[in-house]
Amino acid sequence: MTSYDAAPGPATGSSRVLVATAVPAERDAVARALAGHPGVDVLAVGVGPAAAAAGTATALARADAAGRPYRLVVSAGIGGGFQPDAPVGSLVLADEITVADLGAETGDGFLPVTELGFGAVTHRPPPSLVRGAADVTGAASGTVLTVSTVTGSAARAAALRLRHPRALAEAMEGFGVAEAAALHGLPVLEVRAVSNAVGPRDRDAWRIGAALSALTEAFGKLTPVLESWNDHD
């Protein structure tokens, strides 16, 4: 488990923020809120944890090589919400970013990779940053799960919630982004606007447009917090 914490402080010229989304529609939703904030870059890095990790790590390495390193990484986009705690249209902030399906199935159930003796399954964003972000956005905070396969049944949703009782949402990129950030020694935050309920797939009930609008609204409030947060590095 990787943890970061720090106190808020004034922004500096080197205080650059990278926001990583999965797809261009999410990137554009965040970018609409970034007018007047040249210190924040937003990049669509691909769908799923592997693409997210590779795309984020490449962006961080290129920034380092150019002498303009980032100091904070944010995974952002839409996702599924566990009902009733994260209703469609709401906003969720991760205080834990946990990969839900990295491990092994056994006769006694699922074992996370940490119980097999290697790897990590959770990254913890800086608590002070989560609190500041929640204060300005009104978002709920809890565990956001990273999955490689989107949940499509009530049984799967119930099993995930049983293993992760604090889970509020699931998405496909947060852990990959967090892994890349950790390799560069950087803190990470995950922000999800809920577009659908975790459980049986019902595309008619999804509200992707509303979730993208909620993401834009959230970053309108959140971006100054990201810029001003200071990890004292």
Protein backbone atom coordinates (compact mmCIF):
# COMPACT_ATOMS: atom_id res chain seq x y z
CA MET A 1 0.00 0.00 0.00
CA THR A 2 1.38 3.38 -0.99
CA SER A 3 0.38 6.42 1.06
CA TYR A 4 0.96 10.13 0.63
CA ASP A 5 0.00 13.09 2.76
CA ALA A 6 0.89 16.74 2.90
CA ALA A 7 -0.49 20.09 3.94
CA PRO A 8 -1.97 22.66 1.56
CA GLY A 9 0.25 25.53 0.58
CA PRO A 10 0.86 28.15 -2.09
CA ALA A 11 1.29 27.13 -5.69
CA THR A 12 4.69 27.52 -7.32
CA GLY A 13 5.86 27.74 -10.90
CA SER A 14 6.86 24.07 -10.78
CA SER A 15 3.54 22.94 -9.32
CA ARG A 16 2.17 21.18 -12.41
CA VAL A 17 -0.73 18.76 -12.35
CA LEU A 18 -1.42 15.91 -14.78
CA VAL A 19 -5.03 14.76 -15.13
CA ALA A 20 -5.31 11.35 -16.81
CA THR A 21 -8.63 10.21 -18.29
CA ALA A 22 -9.47 7.08 -20.25
CA VAL A 23 -11.14 8.51 -23.34
CA PRO A 24 -11.29 11.84 -25.21
CA ALA A 25 -14.86 12.59 -24.06
CA GLU A 26 -13.68 12.58 -20.43
CA ARG A 27 -10.57 14.57 -21.35
CA ASP A 28 -12.70 17.21 -23.04
CA ALA A 29 -15.10 17.38 -20.08
CA VAL A 30 -12.20 18.16 -17.75
CA ALA A 31 -10.55 20.53 -20.23
CA ARG A 32 -13.69 22.67 -20.38
CA ALA A 33 -13.03 23.67 -16.78
CA LEU A 34 -9.34 24.50 -17.26
CA ALA A 35 -9.49 27.97 -18.84
CA GLY A 36 -7.04 30.17 -16.97
CA HIS A 37 -5.22 27.20 -15.43
CA PRO A 38 -2.07 26.64 -17.54
CA GLY A 39 -0.45 24.53 -14.82
CA VAL A 40 -2.92 21.68 -15.33
CA ASP A 41 -2.60 19.30 -18.28
CA VAL A 42 -5.24 16.72 -19.21
CA LEU A 43 -4.48 13.64 -21.27
CA ALA A 44 -6.55 10.66 -22.48
CA VAL A 45 -4.33 7.67 -21.70
CA GLY A 46 -6.53 4.75 -22.75
CA VAL A 47 -9.05 2.30 -21.36
CA GLY A 48 -8.11 -0.18 -18.64
CA PRO A 49 -5.35 -0.34 -16.02
CA ALA A 50 -2.55 -1.41 -18.37
CA ALA A 51 -3.13 1.36 -20.91
CA ALA A 52 -3.62 3.87 -18.10
CA ALA A 53 -0.35 2.90 -16.44
CA ALA A 54 1.61 2.96 -19.70
CA GLY A 55 0.16 6.26 -20.90
CA THR A 56 0.58 8.00 -17.57
CA ALA A 57 4.13 6.73 -17.07
CA THR A 58 5.09 7.91 -20.55
CA ALA A 59 3.68 11.39 -19.92
CA LEU A 60 5.49 11.65 -16.59
CA ALA A 61 8.78 10.49 -18.09
CA ARG A 62 8.55 12.97 -20.95
CA ALA A 63 7.81 15.80 -18.53
CA ASP A 64 10.80 14.83 -16.41
CA ALA A 65 13.05 14.69 -19.47
CA ALA A 66 11.88 18.16 -20.53
CA GLY A 67 12.73 19.58 -17.10
CA ARG A 68 9.06 20.34 -16.35
CA PRO A 69 8.06 17.56 -13.94
CA TYR A 70 4.59 17.09 -12.57
CA ARG A 71 3.98 17.21 -8.83
CA LEU A 72 0.52 15.64 -8.67
CA VAL A 73 -1.38 13.12 -10.80
CA VAL A 74 -5.18 12.84 -10.97
CA SER A 75 -7.17 9.96 -12.44
CA ALA A 76 -10.51 11.32 -13.57
CA GLY A 77 -13.57 10.21 -15.48
CA ILE A 78 -16.94 8.58 -15.18
CA GLY A 79 -17.68 5.28 -13.47
CA GLY A 80 -20.21 3.01 -11.88
CA GLY A 81 -21.58 3.76 -8.43
CA PHE A 82 -22.49 1.26 -5.74
CA GLN A 83 -26.08 1.85 -4.73
CA PRO A 84 -27.48 3.53 -2.73
CA ASP A 85 -24.31 5.24 -1.50
CA ALA A 86 -23.16 6.68 -4.84
CA PRO A 87 -26.26 7.48 -6.91
CA VAL A 88 -26.14 8.26 -10.61
CA GLY A 89 -25.07 11.88 -11.09
CA SER A 90 -23.06 12.06 -7.88
CA LEU A 91 -19.33 12.63 -7.48
CA VAL A 92 -16.90 10.30 -5.70
CA LEU A 93 -13.36 10.93 -4.47
CA ALA A 94 -11.09 7.99 -3.70
CA ASP A 95 -9.46 7.89 -0.29
CA GLU A 96 -8.32 4.41 -1.35
CA ILE A 97 -7.61 3.32 -4.93
CA THR A 98 -7.87 -0.48 -4.91
CA VAL A 99 -7.52 -2.98 -7.73
CA ALA A 100 -10.33 -5.48 -7.22
CA ASP A 101 -9.32 -8.40 -9.43
CA LEU A 102 -5.52 -8.68 -9.20
CA GLY A 103 -4.92 -12.01 -7.50
CA ALA A 104 -6.07 -15.61 -7.69
CA GLU A 105 -9.31 -17.53 -7.46
CA THR A 106 -9.09 -20.41 -4.99
CA GLY A 107 -11.43 -23.02 -3.61
CA ASP A 108 -11.92 -20.74 -0.62
CA GLY A 109 -12.56 -17.62 -2.68
CA PHE A 110 -10.55 -14.76 -4.12
CA LEU A 111 -7.05 -14.00 -2.81
CA PRO A 112 -5.56 -10.55 -3.59
CA VAL A 113 -2.03 -10.54 -4.91
CA THR A 114 -0.72 -9.23 -1.58
CA GLU A 115 -1.86 -12.44 0.13
CA LEU A 116 0.12 -14.38 -2.46
CA GLY A 117 3.24 -12.63 -1.16
CA PHE A 118 3.94 -9.91 -3.71
CA GLY A 119 2.64 -6.73 -5.30
CA ALA A 120 0.28 -4.05 -4.05
CA VAL A 121 -3.47 -3.65 -4.37
CA THR A 122 -4.12 -0.23 -2.83
CA HIS A 123 -2.80 3.31 -3.11
CA ARG A 124 -3.93 6.00 -0.68
CA PRO A 125 -4.27 9.58 -1.95
CA PRO A 126 -3.11 12.33 0.42
CA PRO A 127 -5.82 12.70 3.11
CA SER A 128 -5.41 16.48 3.19
CA LEU A 129 -5.99 16.66 -0.56
CA VAL A 130 -9.04 14.38 -0.37
CA ARG A 131 -10.49 16.56 2.40
CA GLY A 132 -9.86 19.78 0.48
CA ALA A 133 -11.36 18.33 -2.69
CA ALA A 134 -14.42 17.05 -0.83
CA ASP A 135 -14.94 20.42 0.84
CA VAL A 136 -15.16 22.31 -2.45
CA THR A 137 -17.04 19.71 -4.50
CA GLY A 138 -19.34 18.13 -1.92
CA ALA A 139 -18.21 14.71 -3.15
CA ALA A 140 -18.42 11.57 -1.06
CA SER A 141 -15.10 9.89 -0.30
CA GLY A 142 -14.41 6.18 -0.04
CA THR A 143 -12.79 3.32 -1.91
CA VAL A 144 -12.84 3.41 -5.70
CA LEU A 145 -12.24 -0.01 -7.21
CA THR A 146 -10.28 -0.59 -10.39
CA VAL A 147 -11.58 -3.51 -12.46
CA SER A 148 -10.49 -4.99 -15.77
CA THR A 149 -14.03 -6.20 -16.50
CA VAL A 150 -16.99 -3.91 -15.79
CA THR A 151 -19.47 -5.47 -13.37
CA GLY A 152 -22.58 -6.77 -15.14
CA SER A 153 -24.52 -8.72 -12.53
CA ALA A 154 -26.03 -8.24 -9.11
CA ALA A 155 -24.04 -11.22 -7.82
CA ARG A 156 -20.73 -9.68 -8.90
CA ALA A 157 -21.68 -6.31 -7.39
CA ALA A 158 -22.58 -7.97 -4.11
CA ALA A 159 -19.33 -9.96 -4.06
CA LEU A 160 -17.25 -6.84 -4.64
CA ARG A 161 -19.08 -4.94 -1.92
CA LEU A 162 -18.62 -7.86 0.48
CA ARG A 163 -14.86 -7.83 -0.08
CA HIS A 164 -14.69 -4.02 -0.13
CA PRO A 165 -17.43 -2.66 2.19
CA ARG A 166 -16.22 0.95 1.78
CA ALA A 167 -16.39 0.82 -2.01
CA LEU A 168 -18.39 3.65 -3.56
CA ALA A 169 -17.51 3.27 -7.23
CA GLU A 170 -15.73 1.17 -9.82
CA ALA A 171 -13.80 2.23 -12.90
CA MET A 172 -11.01 0.80 -15.04
CA GLU A 173 -8.01 3.13 -14.79
CA GLY A 174 -7.36 4.48 -11.29
CA PHE A 175 -4.97 1.79 -10.08
CA GLY A 176 -2.94 1.94 -13.30
CA VAL A 177 -2.59 5.71 -13.01
CA ALA A 178 -1.66 5.33 -9.34
CA GLU A 179 1.00 2.71 -10.12
CA ALA A 180 2.64 5.05 -12.64
CA ALA A 181 2.52 7.96 -10.20
CA ALA A 182 4.04 5.83 -7.43
CA LEU A 183 6.95 4.81 -9.68
CA HIS A 184 7.71 8.53 -10.08
CA GLY A 185 7.28 9.22 -6.37
CA LEU A 186 4.18 11.33 -6.95
CA PRO A 187 0.88 11.54 -5.04
CA VAL A 188 -2.33 10.66 -6.81
CA LEU A 189 -6.02 11.49 -6.56
CA GLU A 190 -8.99 9.78 -8.24
CA VAL A 191 -12.23 11.58 -9.12
CA ARG A 192 -15.28 9.79 -10.57
CA ALA A 193 -18.64 11.12 -11.73
CA VAL A 194 -21.21 8.33 -11.50
CA SER A 195 -22.87 7.51 -14.82
CA ASN A 196 -24.51 4.19 -13.91
CA ALA A 197 -25.21 1.80 -11.08
CA VAL A 198 -22.79 -1.07 -10.48
CA GLY A 199 -24.71 -4.26 -11.26
CA PRO A 200 -26.80 -5.61 -14.15
CA ARG A 201 -26.02 -3.73 -17.35
CA ASP A 202 -28.89 -1.48 -18.38
CA ARG A 203 -27.62 0.96 -20.98
CA ASP A 204 -30.97 2.77 -21.03
CA ALA A 205 -30.39 3.78 -17.41
CA TRP A 206 -26.88 5.15 -17.98
CA ARG A 207 -26.49 8.93 -17.83
CA ILE A 208 -23.14 9.48 -19.51
CA GLY A 209 -23.85 13.03 -20.66
CA ALA A 210 -24.96 14.09 -17.20
CA ALA A 211 -21.90 12.46 -15.65
CA LEU A 212 -19.58 14.28 -18.05
CA SER A 213 -21.28 17.56 -17.16
CA ALA A 214 -20.83 16.77 -13.48
CA LEU A 215 -17.14 16.13 -14.15
CA THR A 216 -16.78 19.55 -15.78
CA GLU A 217 -18.55 21.22 -12.87
CA ALA A 218 -16.39 19.37 -10.37
CA PHE A 219 -13.13 20.43 -11.99
CA GLY A 220 -14.32 24.02 -12.12
CA LYS A 221 -14.29 23.90 -8.32
CA LEU A 222 -11.46 21.43 -7.87
CA THR A 223 -8.71 22.82 -10.09
CA PRO A 224 -7.71 25.71 -7.77
CA VAL A 225 -7.41 23.17 -4.93
CA LEU A 226 -5.14 20.97 -7.05
CA GLU A 227 -2.96 23.91 -8.02
CA SER A 228 -2.61 25.25 -4.47
CA TRP A 229 -2.02 21.92 -2.76
CA ASN A 230 1.63 21.57 -1.78
CA ASP A 231 3.38 18.35 -0.83
CA HIS A 232 6.48 20.22 0.44
CA ASP A 233 8.82 18.26 -1.85
